[in-house]
Amino acid sequence: MEKKDHSGNKQLSRRNFLRKSLAVGGAAGAAFISNSAIGKGVGSFIKTPESQGYTTREMFDTIIANGVIYTGEIKAPVRGDVGIRDGKIAAIGDLGNSCVEYVDAKGNAISPGFIDIHGHTDTNLFEAPLGNSKIFQGITTDVGGNCGYSPFPLSDAEWERKKNTLRFGYPAWKNVDGFYNALRENGIGINYMSYIGHGEIRHAVIGDDNIVATADQLKKMCEILDRNLEMGCVGLSFGLEYAPGSYGTTDEFVAMLKVVAKHDALFAIHMRNEDDYVEEAIAEAIALARASGARLEISHLKAQNQNNWHKLPNMLKLIHDAADSGLDIHFDRYPYTAFSTGLDCFIPLSHRWGSSDEILARLKDPEQEKVISEYALSRVKRLGGPNCILIAACFAPGNEKYTGKFLDECCAISGMDDWPMIKYLLESERLNVNMAGFAMKEENLRELLNDPLAMVITDGSVYSPEGRLGKEAPHPRSYGSFTNYMGKYVRDMHYCDLQTAVYHCTNLPAHQLKLKDRGLLKVGYAADVLVFNPNTIADVSTYGQPHQYSKGIEHVFVNGVHEVSEGKYTGCPLSGKVL
């Protein structure tokens, strides 16, 4: 049976596609690998197919030949070939050419596909099922549902209203099982897994008000969590800087995290504070993990705003002391000095509860607006001024002129001062305004990326230059976190050798996610394989023009299928899996 790709074009069957393909790699990267500190120690394989139980008469589906192989372990790379059969890595060594598809890596790096342990893709995969902005930076596995938000669960009342409707053309879902099934039916080009968001569970059971959960409500929240973890959620994510997740109590958090620990799942936390009280927020996260026994992943760790930059050494000490005491704790970070969030962060949490209409009504109440404006202006000042705040995306008619402009530029266009401008955007866009804040220190970023407990992430969603998603203005990290890390920080700044960098992008997140057959180039593992040019790999996405694919990604295989060749989609069947 013929399938259609994400553009509606007829697809070849996998076997016919392979028989009609003869892909070649990009520009050679051997000079960089052999001559720089990043690639020193390249050796030669002595293994042959015969030594691994194969004969030369046996044909591989694909041989990726003539590469420098980084297995995902922190050890020197070796030259050789990778053989793929039936979606698995079948052999590694000097493999000859007995195959259906032969891909010449031309001396470039061969590694496991990158794993983005902290993303916000979620429903965007229905609109860009290839996983465009992620697969073209080498990501083969994406983890959504972070920061307390996920596309499920629905409350009982919401389910009654929506159970006979469609979402993105598929039956509405109440839980992760329905969401995963819709993704499977739609087809995806990258592997996907998801947390369940604490904020979404709280919304489904309690609503968005700032109230303490009753015993019955907490019991129901734990039951929903337990059921969704059984269905395949990777863990529970918190967004304690956001409503309604921030309204929970310590008892609520610990009770739910004990359910997470029972499943040996992961506890990911967007902490309560990332600036003036960041050390206290780290201490809170560690205390919750210790009280519950859950494994801890601190999301997008940062010391935000100039007056807090000096706190990073103690922040890392708190984390490493906890790790040394036996706590399973790691953290992640995107390689940029600007964060991205909603402009409603300029509304204090004390005034952010309830529905959008209720929040907007507070902006019109003189007494409440005064409190909000004072908070907003103090935050503008702490961030470094209006020239540090980028309005990333507006959608209301007439507001297009503000997209991609800094707040001071928006004020110059409109003639408004800082707070009236912020208030206008919040009201006219009904709170849905994306922003970026340039609030971090480059030296701190480098130290975080080079930490042994760190993993690289996008903290972004899947986007595509085409369609509705192409009209948004995402942070460049959605298109280039991993390529920016490999190009700027590893190749150009020599912050670690390439094998260590690959480990932090592949094997380490796979270990945290308990993925038993991914994150390494190893016989029997799933063939999520990346070929990239270490000399040219780079992020070219910008804040002003974000929808640009990275350079240096030559080939991407997902579950053994050659989805990207020389930076372009091959047209093959989408081969991503819900993990």
Protein backbone atom coordinates (compact mmCIF):
# COMPACT_ATOMS: atom_id res chain seq x y z
CA MET A 1 0.00 0.00 0.00
CA GLU A 2 1.30 3.43 -0.91
CA LYS A 3 1.61 6.04 1.80
CA LYS A 4 1.78 9.81 1.53
CA ASP A 5 4.47 11.99 2.99
CA HIS A 6 3.89 15.12 5.06
CA SER A 7 3.37 17.12 1.86
CA GLY A 8 0.75 14.72 0.50
CA ASN A 9 3.11 13.20 -2.09
CA LYS A 10 3.08 9.48 -2.76
CA GLN A 11 5.88 7.68 -0.97
CA LEU A 12 7.96 4.80 -2.16
CA SER A 13 7.99 1.67 -0.07
CA ARG A 14 11.09 1.48 2.07
CA ARG A 15 12.64 -1.35 0.01
CA ASN A 16 11.97 0.37 -3.32
CA PHE A 17 13.21 3.65 -1.95
CA LEU A 18 16.48 2.06 -0.92
CA ARG A 19 16.92 0.34 -4.26
CA LYS A 20 16.46 3.63 -6.08
CA SER A 21 18.84 5.55 -3.81
CA LEU A 22 22.56 6.03 -3.93
CA ALA A 23 23.27 8.86 -1.52
CA VAL A 24 26.63 10.50 -1.01
CA GLY A 25 27.95 12.53 1.90
CA GLY A 26 28.82 16.19 2.20
CA ALA A 27 32.21 17.87 2.17
CA ALA A 28 34.95 15.95 3.95
CA GLY A 29 35.55 16.75 7.58
CA ALA A 30 38.60 14.57 8.15
CA ALA A 31 41.08 17.45 8.40
CA PHE A 32 39.25 18.95 11.35
CA ILE A 33 38.74 15.61 13.04
CA SER A 34 42.34 14.48 12.79
CA ASN A 35 44.13 17.75 13.37
CA SER A 36 42.15 19.53 16.08
CA ALA A 37 41.95 18.85 19.80
CA ILE A 38 38.34 17.80 19.34
CA GLY A 39 39.10 14.88 17.07
CA LYS A 40 42.47 13.67 18.30
CA GLY A 41 42.96 9.98 18.84
CA VAL A 42 41.08 8.73 15.78
CA GLY A 43 41.89 5.06 15.37
CA SER A 44 41.24 2.34 12.82
CA PHE A 45 38.72 -0.47 13.02
CA ILE A 46 39.97 -4.02 12.87
CA LYS A 47 36.52 -5.56 13.08
CA THR A 48 35.05 -7.10 9.95
CA PRO A 49 31.52 -8.40 9.25
CA GLU A 50 32.85 -11.96 9.66
CA SER A 51 34.12 -11.19 13.17
CA GLN A 52 30.64 -10.01 14.13
CA GLY A 53 28.84 -13.09 12.84
CA TYR A 54 28.14 -11.93 9.27
CA THR A 55 29.44 -13.18 5.95
CA THR A 56 30.19 -11.06 2.92
CA ARG A 57 27.25 -12.74 1.17
CA GLU A 58 24.81 -11.14 3.62
CA MET A 59 23.40 -7.86 2.42
CA PHE A 60 22.77 -4.84 4.63
CA ASP A 61 19.90 -2.49 3.93
CA THR A 62 22.35 0.40 4.24
CA ILE A 63 26.06 0.83 4.74
CA ILE A 64 27.26 4.24 5.91
CA ALA A 65 30.89 4.05 4.85
CA ASN A 66 34.15 5.93 5.28
CA GLY A 67 33.24 7.88 8.41
CA VAL A 68 34.79 8.76 11.73
CA ILE A 69 32.59 7.00 14.25
CA TYR A 70 31.61 8.57 17.57
CA THR A 71 29.70 5.86 19.39
CA GLY A 72 28.16 8.09 22.08
CA GLU A 73 30.67 6.92 24.66
CA ILE A 74 33.46 9.17 25.92
CA LYS A 75 36.22 7.45 24.04
CA ALA A 76 38.33 8.21 20.99
CA PRO A 77 36.52 7.89 17.66
CA VAL A 78 37.51 5.28 15.08
CA ARG A 79 37.30 5.15 11.32
CA GLY A 80 34.94 2.68 9.74
CA ASP A 81 31.47 1.85 8.45
CA VAL A 82 28.06 1.34 10.04
CA GLY A 83 25.77 -1.36 8.66
CA ILE A 84 21.99 -1.14 9.09
CA ARG A 85 19.48 -3.94 8.65
CA ASP A 86 15.80 -4.09 9.63
CA GLY A 87 15.98 -0.75 11.42
CA LYS A 88 18.82 -1.84 13.68
CA ILE A 89 22.57 -1.35 13.72
CA ALA A 90 23.75 -4.70 12.41
CA ALA A 91 27.51 -4.26 12.29
CA ILE A 92 30.26 -1.70 12.76
CA GLY A 93 33.65 -2.04 11.12
CA ASP A 94 35.10 -2.57 7.64
CA LEU A 95 31.93 -3.68 5.92
CA GLY A 96 32.62 -3.61 2.19
CA ASN A 97 29.71 -2.73 -0.09
CA SER A 98 27.22 -5.59 0.12
CA CYS A 99 24.08 -3.51 0.63
CA VAL A 100 21.00 -2.06 -1.03
CA GLU A 101 21.95 1.56 -0.26
CA TYR A 102 25.55 2.75 0.05
CA VAL A 103 26.16 6.13 1.71
CA ASP A 104 29.66 7.56 1.54
CA ALA A 105 30.22 9.65 4.68
CA LYS A 106 33.40 11.04 3.10
CA GLY A 107 35.33 11.31 6.33
CA ASN A 108 32.58 13.10 8.23
CA ALA A 109 31.45 12.25 11.74
CA ILE A 110 28.98 9.39 12.25
CA SER A 111 27.18 9.50 15.58
CA PRO A 112 23.92 8.51 17.21
CA GLY A 113 21.07 10.89 16.47
CA PHE A 114 20.77 13.71 18.98
CA ILE A 115 18.20 13.39 21.77
CA ASP A 116 16.35 16.54 22.87
CA ILE A 117 15.35 15.77 26.45
CA HIS A 118 13.54 19.09 26.89
CA GLY A 119 11.30 20.30 24.08
CA HIS A 120 7.84 21.77 23.55
CA THR A 121 6.91 20.15 20.25
CA ASP A 122 3.67 18.48 21.35
CA THR A 123 0.88 19.18 18.81
CA ASN A 124 3.14 20.95 16.28
CA LEU A 125 4.05 17.49 14.99
CA PHE A 126 0.60 17.30 13.42
CA GLU A 127 1.45 20.34 11.28
CA ALA A 128 5.09 19.47 10.60
CA PRO A 129 5.19 15.67 11.00
CA LEU A 130 8.72 15.34 9.61
CA GLY A 131 9.87 17.27 12.69
CA ASN A 132 11.49 19.80 10.36
CA SER A 133 13.35 22.24 12.59
CA LYS A 134 14.55 19.39 14.80
CA ILE A 135 15.50 16.68 12.32
CA PHE A 136 17.49 19.18 10.25
CA GLN A 137 19.68 19.89 13.29
CA GLY A 138 20.27 16.17 13.82
CA ILE A 139 17.61 15.42 16.46
CA THR A 140 16.07 11.96 16.09
CA THR A 141 14.28 11.75 19.46
CA ASP A 142 12.24 14.57 20.97
CA VAL A 143 10.72 14.80 24.46
CA GLY A 144 7.71 17.08 24.91
CA GLY A 145 5.32 17.93 27.73
CA ASN A 146 7.81 20.05 29.66
CA CYS A 147 7.46 22.96 32.09
CA GLY A 148 4.17 21.69 33.50
CA TYR A 149 2.36 21.76 30.15
CA SER A 150 1.24 18.83 28.00
CA PRO A 151 -1.56 18.25 25.45
CA PHE A 152 -3.38 16.11 28.01
CA PRO A 153 -5.15 15.27 30.30
CA LEU A 154 -8.63 16.68 29.86
CA SER A 155 -10.93 17.22 32.81
CA ASP A 156 -14.07 15.10 32.98
CA ALA A 157 -16.16 18.11 31.92
CA GLU A 158 -13.84 18.96 29.02
CA TRP A 159 -13.89 15.34 27.91
CA GLU A 160 -17.68 15.27 27.82
CA ARG A 161 -17.65 18.35 25.60
CA LYS A 162 -14.89 17.19 23.28
CA LYS A 163 -14.99 13.39 23.15
CA ASN A 164 -16.97 13.34 19.90
CA THR A 165 -14.90 16.04 18.22
CA LEU A 166 -11.68 15.97 16.23
CA ARG A 167 -8.30 17.45 17.11
CA PHE A 168 -6.01 17.91 14.09
CA GLY A 169 -8.28 15.51 12.23
CA TYR A 170 -8.13 12.75 14.85
CA PRO A 171 -10.54 11.76 17.62
CA ALA A 172 -10.11 13.97 20.66
CA TRP A 173 -7.91 12.46 23.34
CA LYS A 174 -8.24 12.59 27.11
CA ASN A 175 -4.85 11.14 28.07
CA VAL A 176 -1.43 10.33 26.70
CA ASP A 177 -2.67 7.08 25.17
CA GLY A 178 -5.05 8.93 22.86
CA PHE A 179 -2.41 11.55 22.06
CA TYR A 180 0.19 8.92 21.19
CA ASN A 181 -2.31 7.04 19.04
CA ALA A 182 -3.11 10.20 17.07
CA LEU A 183 0.61 10.77 16.45
CA ARG A 184 1.03 7.20 15.27
CA GLU A 185 -1.90 7.55 12.89
CA ASN A 186 -0.57 10.85 11.58
CA GLY A 187 2.96 9.57 11.10
CA ILE A 188 6.05 11.29 12.48
CA GLY A 189 9.57 11.67 11.17
CA ILE A 190 11.31 11.70 14.55
CA ASN A 191 10.87 9.58 17.65
CA TYR A 192 8.72 11.16 20.32
CA MET A 193 7.94 10.76 24.00
CA SER A 194 6.26 13.04 26.49
CA TYR A 195 6.06 14.05 30.11
CA ILE A 196 2.68 14.77 31.63
CA GLY A 197 2.46 18.32 32.94
CA HIS A 198 1.65 18.92 36.61
CA GLY A 199 -0.05 22.18 35.64
CA GLU A 200 -2.32 20.32 33.23
CA ILE A 201 -3.28 17.74 35.84
CA ARG A 202 -4.03 20.52 38.32
CA HIS A 203 -6.08 22.38 35.71
CA ALA A 204 -8.07 19.23 34.94
CA VAL A 205 -8.88 18.48 38.59
CA ILE A 206 -8.89 21.85 40.39
CA GLY A 207 -8.91 24.53 37.70
CA ASP A 208 -6.66 27.57 37.51
CA ASP A 209 -7.44 29.17 40.86
CA ASN A 210 -4.91 29.70 43.64
CA ILE A 211 -6.31 27.19 46.09
CA VAL A 212 -5.00 24.21 48.05
CA ALA A 213 -5.99 20.77 46.76
CA THR A 214 -8.38 18.83 48.97
CA ALA A 215 -7.55 15.25 49.93
CA ASP A 216 -9.97 13.94 47.30
CA GLN A 217 -8.57 16.24 44.62
CA LEU A 218 -5.01 15.22 45.40
CA LYS A 219 -6.00 11.57 45.26
CA LYS A 220 -7.53 12.10 41.83
CA MET A 221 -4.44 13.98 40.60
CA CYS A 222 -2.24 11.08 41.71
CA GLU A 223 -4.56 8.58 40.00
CA ILE A 224 -4.41 10.52 36.71
CA LEU A 225 -0.63 10.68 36.98
CA ASP A 226 -0.31 6.98 37.75
CA ARG A 227 -2.55 6.04 34.83
CA ASN A 228 -0.64 8.21 32.34
CA LEU A 229 2.74 6.92 33.53
CA GLU A 230 1.42 3.39 32.98
CA MET A 231 0.42 4.44 29.45
CA GLY A 232 3.93 5.58 28.61
CA CYS A 233 4.68 9.09 29.88
CA VAL A 234 8.38 9.50 30.60
CA GLY A 235 7.70 11.39 33.83
CA LEU A 236 6.08 14.42 35.46
CA SER A 237 7.10 17.97 34.59
CA PHE A 238 6.58 21.03 36.78
CA GLY A 239 6.33 24.69 35.82
CA LEU A 240 6.50 26.40 39.19
CA GLU A 241 7.02 29.82 37.62
CA TYR A 242 3.64 29.52 35.92
CA ALA A 243 0.00 29.30 36.89
CA PRO A 244 -1.63 27.03 37.92
CA GLY A 245 1.35 24.81 38.79
CA SER A 246 2.83 27.42 41.10
CA TYR A 247 -0.26 27.24 43.34
CA GLY A 248 0.48 23.71 44.53
CA THR A 249 1.87 22.96 47.98
CA THR A 250 4.93 20.98 49.00
CA ASP A 251 2.67 18.17 50.23
CA GLU A 252 0.97 18.05 46.84
CA PHE A 253 4.28 17.95 44.98
CA VAL A 254 5.77 15.22 47.17
CA ALA A 255 2.66 13.04 46.98
CA MET A 256 2.70 13.18 43.19
CA LEU A 257 6.45 12.67 42.98
CA LYS A 258 6.18 9.51 45.04
CA VAL A 259 4.02 8.16 42.20
CA VAL A 260 6.79 9.17 39.78
CA ALA A 261 9.39 7.38 41.92
CA LYS A 262 7.23 4.24 42.00
CA HIS A 263 7.49 4.09 38.20
CA ASP A 264 11.21 5.02 38.20
CA ALA A 265 10.11 7.88 35.95
CA LEU A 266 11.70 11.32 35.70
CA PHE A 267 10.93 14.51 37.64
CA ALA A 268 11.61 17.55 35.45
CA ILE A 269 11.23 21.00 36.94
CA HIS A 270 11.05 24.50 35.56
CA MET A 271 11.95 25.96 38.92
CA ARG A 272 9.97 28.50 40.87
CA ASN A 273 12.59 31.18 40.24
CA GLU A 274 15.56 31.56 37.90
CA ASP A 275 16.86 34.96 38.96
CA ASP A 276 16.84 36.61 42.41
CA TYR A 277 15.91 33.41 44.28
CA VAL A 278 17.47 30.83 42.00
CA GLU A 279 19.59 29.23 44.74
CA GLU A 280 16.52 28.80 46.93
CA ALA A 281 14.66 27.31 43.95
CA ILE A 282 17.43 24.75 43.40
CA ALA A 283 17.31 23.85 47.08
CA GLU A 284 13.53 23.36 46.79
CA ALA A 285 13.90 21.06 43.77
CA ILE A 286 16.53 18.97 45.54
CA ALA A 287 14.40 18.75 48.69
CA LEU A 288 11.41 17.52 46.66
CA ALA A 289 13.53 14.85 44.99
CA ARG A 290 14.95 13.69 48.31
CA ALA A 291 11.53 13.58 50.00
CA SER A 292 9.99 11.56 47.18
CA GLY A 293 12.87 9.44 45.88
CA ALA A 294 12.30 10.68 42.30
CA ARG A 295 15.10 11.17 39.79
CA LEU A 296 15.57 14.92 39.15
CA GLU A 297 16.14 16.85 35.92
CA ILE A 298 16.46 20.62 36.41
CA SER A 299 15.18 22.32 33.29
CA HIS A 300 17.16 24.98 31.38
CA LEU A 301 19.38 25.91 34.33
CA LYS A 302 20.38 29.58 34.33
CA ALA A 303 21.36 32.57 36.46
CA GLN A 304 19.13 35.23 34.96
CA ASN A 305 19.71 39.01 35.12
CA GLN A 306 23.09 40.65 35.66
CA ASN A 307 22.72 40.98 39.42
CA ASN A 308 22.53 37.18 39.67
CA TRP A 309 25.32 36.13 37.33
CA HIS A 310 27.76 35.73 40.22
CA LYS A 311 25.58 32.99 41.75
CA LEU A 312 26.45 30.29 39.22
CA PRO A 313 29.34 28.69 41.16
CA ASN A 314 27.16 28.15 44.21
CA MET A 315 24.29 26.92 42.04
CA LEU A 316 26.53 24.24 40.58
CA LYS A 317 27.88 23.41 44.04
CA LEU A 318 24.36 22.78 45.32
CA ILE A 319 23.72 20.40 42.42
CA HIS A 320 27.03 18.55 42.64
CA ASP A 321 26.83 18.23 46.41
CA ALA A 322 23.42 16.61 45.96
CA ALA A 323 24.82 14.27 43.30
CA ASP A 324 27.77 13.38 45.52
CA SER A 325 25.33 12.50 48.31
CA GLY A 326 23.67 9.92 46.05
CA LEU A 327 20.80 11.88 44.50
CA ASP A 328 20.13 11.13 40.83
CA ILE A 329 20.26 14.70 39.54
CA HIS A 330 21.10 16.27 36.17
CA PHE A 331 20.25 19.48 34.36
CA ASP A 332 19.88 20.78 30.83
CA ARG A 333 20.43 24.02 28.97
CA TYR A 334 20.12 25.52 25.49
CA PRO A 335 23.26 27.27 24.09
CA TYR A 336 21.95 30.84 23.94
CA THR A 337 22.01 33.82 26.30
CA ALA A 338 18.36 34.73 25.71
CA PHE A 339 15.40 32.89 27.20
CA SER A 340 11.96 32.63 25.63
CA THR A 341 8.57 32.76 27.32
CA GLY A 342 5.21 34.54 27.20
CA LEU A 343 4.85 38.29 27.77
CA ASP A 344 2.33 37.46 30.49
CA CYS A 345 5.37 36.78 32.72
CA PHE A 346 5.22 40.56 33.35
CA ILE A 347 2.02 39.91 35.30
CA PRO A 348 2.80 38.74 38.86
CA LEU A 349 1.59 35.27 39.83
CA SER A 350 -0.69 36.86 42.41
CA HIS A 351 -2.67 38.35 39.50
CA ARG A 352 -2.19 35.57 36.92
CA TRP A 353 -4.68 33.02 38.22
CA GLY A 354 -8.01 32.21 36.58
CA SER A 355 -9.19 32.49 32.99
CA SER A 356 -7.83 34.86 30.35
CA ASP A 357 -10.90 37.03 30.75
CA GLU A 358 -10.34 37.29 34.48
CA ILE A 359 -6.68 38.22 34.04
CA LEU A 360 -7.50 40.80 31.36
CA ALA A 361 -10.15 42.30 33.65
CA ARG A 362 -7.44 42.95 36.24
CA LEU A 363 -5.52 44.98 33.69
CA LYS A 364 -8.56 47.28 33.42
CA ASP A 365 -9.03 47.68 37.16
CA PRO A 366 -7.05 50.80 38.23
CA GLU A 367 -5.91 49.45 41.60
CA GLN A 368 -4.85 46.05 40.26
CA GLU A 369 -3.27 47.58 37.17
CA LYS A 370 -1.09 49.73 39.43
CA VAL A 371 0.27 46.63 41.19
CA ILE A 372 0.82 44.84 37.87
CA SER A 373 2.53 47.83 36.25
CA GLU A 374 4.93 48.23 39.17
CA TYR A 375 5.86 44.57 38.94
CA ALA A 376 6.24 44.72 35.15
CA LEU A 377 8.49 47.79 35.22
CA SER A 378 10.63 46.27 37.96
CA ARG A 379 11.07 43.19 35.81
CA VAL A 380 11.98 45.29 32.76
CA LYS A 381 14.65 46.97 34.88
CA ARG A 382 15.99 43.66 36.24
CA LEU A 383 16.25 42.27 32.73
CA GLY A 384 18.46 45.19 31.71
CA GLY A 385 15.92 47.54 30.14
CA PRO A 386 13.51 47.52 27.19
CA ASN A 387 16.38 46.99 24.75
CA CYS A 388 16.82 43.47 26.23
CA ILE A 389 13.22 42.37 25.60
CA LEU A 390 12.37 41.07 22.13
CA ILE A 391 8.72 40.79 21.07
CA ALA A 392 8.98 37.53 19.14
CA ALA A 393 5.47 37.02 17.80
CA CYS A 394 2.23 39.02 17.51
CA PHE A 395 -0.83 37.86 15.60
CA ALA A 396 -3.59 40.46 16.05
CA PRO A 397 -4.32 42.64 13.00
CA GLY A 398 -2.11 45.71 13.02
CA ASN A 399 0.42 44.24 15.43
CA GLU A 400 2.64 42.62 12.80
CA LYS A 401 4.92 45.65 12.91
CA TYR A 402 5.95 44.74 16.45
CA THR A 403 7.01 41.16 15.67
CA GLY A 404 10.78 40.80 15.83
CA LYS A 405 11.26 44.22 17.47
CA PHE A 406 12.72 45.00 20.88
CA LEU A 407 10.43 46.68 23.38
CA ASP A 408 12.20 50.04 23.03
CA GLU A 409 11.71 49.83 19.25
CA CYS A 410 8.01 49.01 19.75
CA CYS A 411 7.70 52.05 21.99
CA ALA A 412 9.34 54.24 19.35
CA ILE A 413 6.91 52.95 16.71
CA SER A 414 3.80 53.40 18.88
CA GLY A 415 4.79 56.47 20.88
CA MET A 416 3.96 54.61 24.11
CA ASP A 417 6.08 54.18 27.21
CA ASP A 418 7.20 50.74 28.41
CA TRP A 419 4.19 49.73 30.53
CA PRO A 420 1.46 51.07 28.23
CA MET A 421 3.17 49.20 25.38
CA ILE A 422 3.30 45.93 27.34
CA LYS A 423 -0.31 46.38 28.46
CA TYR A 424 -1.47 47.12 24.91
CA LEU A 425 0.19 43.97 23.57
CA LEU A 426 -1.22 41.78 26.34
CA GLU A 427 -4.74 43.12 25.82
CA SER A 428 -4.79 43.18 22.04
CA GLU A 429 -3.27 39.68 21.81
CA ARG A 430 -5.34 38.32 24.71
CA LEU A 431 -2.13 37.49 26.61
CA ASN A 432 -0.69 35.35 23.78
CA VAL A 433 2.55 37.20 23.00
CA ASN A 434 5.89 35.40 22.67
CA MET A 435 8.99 37.19 23.90
CA ALA A 436 12.72 36.62 24.37
CA GLY A 437 14.78 38.14 27.17
CA PHE A 438 18.52 38.69 26.78
CA ALA A 439 19.43 38.14 30.41
CA MET A 440 22.26 35.60 30.65
CA LYS A 441 26.05 35.81 30.68
CA GLU A 442 28.08 34.09 27.95
CA GLU A 443 30.79 32.89 30.34
CA ASN A 444 28.16 31.28 32.57
CA LEU A 445 26.62 29.55 29.58
CA ARG A 446 29.96 28.02 28.62
CA GLU A 447 30.50 26.73 32.15
CA LEU A 448 27.05 25.16 32.22
CA LEU A 449 27.48 23.46 28.85
CA ASN A 450 30.82 22.01 29.93
CA ASP A 451 29.49 20.51 33.17
CA PRO A 452 29.50 16.68 33.38
CA LEU A 453 25.85 16.66 34.53
CA ALA A 454 24.60 18.84 31.65
CA MET A 455 22.62 17.96 28.54
CA VAL A 456 21.97 20.14 25.51
CA ILE A 457 18.33 20.93 24.69
CA THR A 458 16.25 23.13 22.41
CA ASP A 459 13.54 24.11 24.92
CA GLY A 460 11.65 24.72 21.67
CA SER A 461 9.05 23.19 19.43
CA VAL A 462 9.07 21.72 15.95
CA TYR A 463 8.67 24.44 13.32
CA SER A 464 8.67 24.62 9.56
CA PRO A 465 9.26 27.59 7.26
CA GLU A 466 6.03 26.62 5.48
CA GLY A 467 2.42 26.91 6.57
CA ARG A 468 1.10 28.39 9.78
CA LEU A 469 4.20 27.52 11.76
CA GLY A 470 6.32 29.54 9.36
CA LYS A 471 4.42 32.69 10.34
CA GLU A 472 5.52 32.46 13.95
CA ALA A 473 8.78 33.90 15.24
CA PRO A 474 10.35 31.19 17.41
CA HIS A 475 13.60 31.43 19.34
CA PRO A 476 16.51 30.28 17.11
CA ARG A 477 17.04 27.35 19.48
CA SER A 478 14.12 25.53 17.83
CA TYR A 479 16.18 25.35 14.63
CA GLY A 480 19.74 25.28 15.88
CA SER A 481 20.51 24.41 19.52
CA PHE A 482 22.51 21.28 18.76
CA THR A 483 24.28 22.66 15.71
CA ASN A 484 25.12 25.87 17.58
CA TYR A 485 26.59 23.81 20.41
CA MET A 486 28.64 21.60 18.10
CA GLY A 487 29.81 24.48 15.91
CA LYS A 488 30.33 27.46 18.22
CA TYR A 489 31.12 25.88 21.57
CA VAL A 490 32.82 22.62 20.60
CA ARG A 491 34.60 23.34 17.31
CA ASP A 492 35.30 27.06 17.60
CA MET A 493 35.75 27.50 21.35
CA HIS A 494 37.15 24.02 22.11
CA TYR A 495 35.13 23.68 25.30
CA CYS A 496 35.32 19.90 25.10
CA ASP A 497 36.38 17.25 22.63
CA LEU A 498 33.86 16.02 20.10
CA GLN A 499 33.36 12.59 21.67
CA THR A 500 32.39 14.22 24.97
CA ALA A 501 30.03 16.60 23.18
CA VAL A 502 28.34 13.72 21.36
CA TYR A 503 27.95 11.88 24.69
CA HIS A 504 26.12 14.83 26.23
CA CYS A 505 23.74 14.97 23.23
CA THR A 506 23.07 11.23 22.88
CA ASN A 507 24.10 8.64 25.46
CA LEU A 508 23.53 10.77 28.58
CA PRO A 509 19.94 11.79 27.75
CA ALA A 510 19.17 8.23 26.61
CA HIS A 511 20.37 7.00 30.00
CA GLN A 512 18.20 9.54 31.84
CA LEU A 513 15.17 8.56 29.77
CA LYS A 514 15.80 4.83 30.37
CA LEU A 515 16.02 4.18 26.63
CA LYS A 516 17.56 0.73 26.39
CA ASP A 517 18.42 0.69 22.68
CA ARG A 518 19.16 4.30 21.71
CA GLY A 519 21.84 6.90 22.30
CA LEU A 520 24.73 4.66 21.21
CA LEU A 521 26.08 3.27 17.98
CA LYS A 522 26.05 -0.33 19.11
CA VAL A 523 25.09 -3.57 17.40
CA GLY A 524 21.46 -4.37 18.12
CA TYR A 525 20.53 -0.76 18.91
CA ALA A 526 17.94 1.17 16.90
CA ALA A 527 19.53 2.77 13.86
CA ASP A 528 19.04 6.44 14.75
CA VAL A 529 22.18 7.62 13.02
CA LEU A 530 23.54 11.03 12.14
CA VAL A 531 26.29 12.03 9.68
CA PHE A 532 27.53 15.59 10.16
CA ASN A 533 30.44 17.68 8.99
CA PRO A 534 32.36 18.96 12.04
CA ASN A 535 34.00 21.66 9.90
CA THR A 536 30.75 23.27 8.79
CA ILE A 537 28.09 22.36 11.35
CA ALA A 538 26.43 25.59 12.47
CA ASP A 539 23.20 27.26 13.46
CA VAL A 540 22.11 29.91 10.94
CA SER A 541 18.74 30.72 12.52
CA THR A 542 18.49 34.24 13.94
CA TYR A 543 16.00 36.11 16.10
CA GLY A 544 15.01 38.23 13.11
CA GLN A 545 14.95 35.34 10.61
CA PRO A 546 14.47 32.18 12.62
CA HIS A 547 13.13 29.83 9.93
CA GLN A 548 16.51 28.71 8.56
CA TYR A 549 17.81 25.16 8.69
CA SER A 550 21.22 24.40 10.13
CA LYS A 551 24.34 23.72 8.11
CA GLY A 552 26.54 20.65 8.22
CA ILE A 553 23.86 17.98 8.78
CA GLU A 554 24.58 15.60 5.91
CA HIS A 555 22.45 12.52 6.62
CA VAL A 556 19.86 11.52 9.21
CA PHE A 557 18.56 7.98 9.68
CA VAL A 558 15.57 7.35 11.95
CA ASN A 559 14.96 3.71 12.83
CA GLY A 560 17.13 2.78 9.87
CA VAL A 561 15.29 4.89 7.31
CA HIS A 562 17.25 7.53 5.40
CA GLU A 563 15.04 10.58 6.00
CA VAL A 564 17.55 13.40 5.36
CA SER A 565 20.26 13.38 2.72
CA GLU A 566 22.56 16.36 2.12
CA GLY A 567 20.30 18.57 4.18
CA LYS A 568 17.06 17.66 2.35
CA TYR A 569 14.13 15.38 3.03
CA THR A 570 14.49 12.25 0.90
CA GLY A 571 10.75 11.64 0.46
CA CYS A 572 10.92 8.26 2.17
CA PRO A 573 8.19 7.03 4.53
CA LEU A 574 8.21 8.80 7.88
CA SER A 575 9.83 6.38 10.29
CA GLY A 576 9.65 8.00 13.72
CA LYS A 577 8.13 6.07 16.60
CA VAL A 578 6.33 6.92 19.80
CA LEU A 579 8.74 5.50 22.37
